[in-house]
């Protein structure tokens, strides 16, 4: 398998070199598709090369997308049947049935979900075959992550063009497609993780959310009970929200957080 070159910073231009499949990496088990979605636009990444899959998944999650990954056609078919997706990123060369066969089968039951081929097959004839099979876009390896991100956003906008994709509660308004957030008409300058955290709260208004649940869904990691990462992000998000109105994110001792306007709430400062 050809090497994959990844820069340390997501902000750098990041290129994947290669994509040979003579000796494919064993597929990584996909996360259960029935798991509650956390935040953002939902993207399924179908890629058997572990390094590429992990890089793409991590990069998209850092941008606020909710991402699941499948490593072969069988698990990908289960994921495609298990829920609806805003965008699917599909490799052509997969263990077992290839990506082209999977796409053709998927188009028999779903003609609308945007699918982007992300593959090392770069000849004109192969690109034509992929698009004729039902792909909405085609990106060859090597690729720059910034271009992949722009294409995913464009496909998500197309998918949600006829649907209300705006979250609005307590004077806070967020558009997951444009990734714009505001409170009381004032734009909020949020980092990607602050955006994901706020969108998670907007999905669960007036609910007590434990630290473990928030950490595992927004950070996609298990909470070890000692990290203060969540507290630091909540503090900064509060600061930005409270520049334009009263407190909305309340700390409940030994219970977690609650997002909402709650009169008489017994919360920590």
Foldseek 3Di string as FASTA:
>chain_A
DDDFDADPDLPDWGWGPDFDVPPFAAADAKDDLVPDAFWFFEEEEAAQHVVVVVVLCVSVLQQQYGYIYTQALVNVLVNVVVDPHQEYEAEQDGPDHGRLVSLLVSCVPDLQRAYEYEYQPDDPVVVVSSVVSRHPYYDHHTDTSVVVVVVSLVSSCVSCVPPPQWQDDPQWIAHSSVGWIDGVPHTFDDRSLLSSLVRSQSVPAQDQDAPQRSCCNSVVDGDPPPDCVVVVSVVVSQVRRPVRHDGQWFADPPGHIHGGDDPPDPGDD
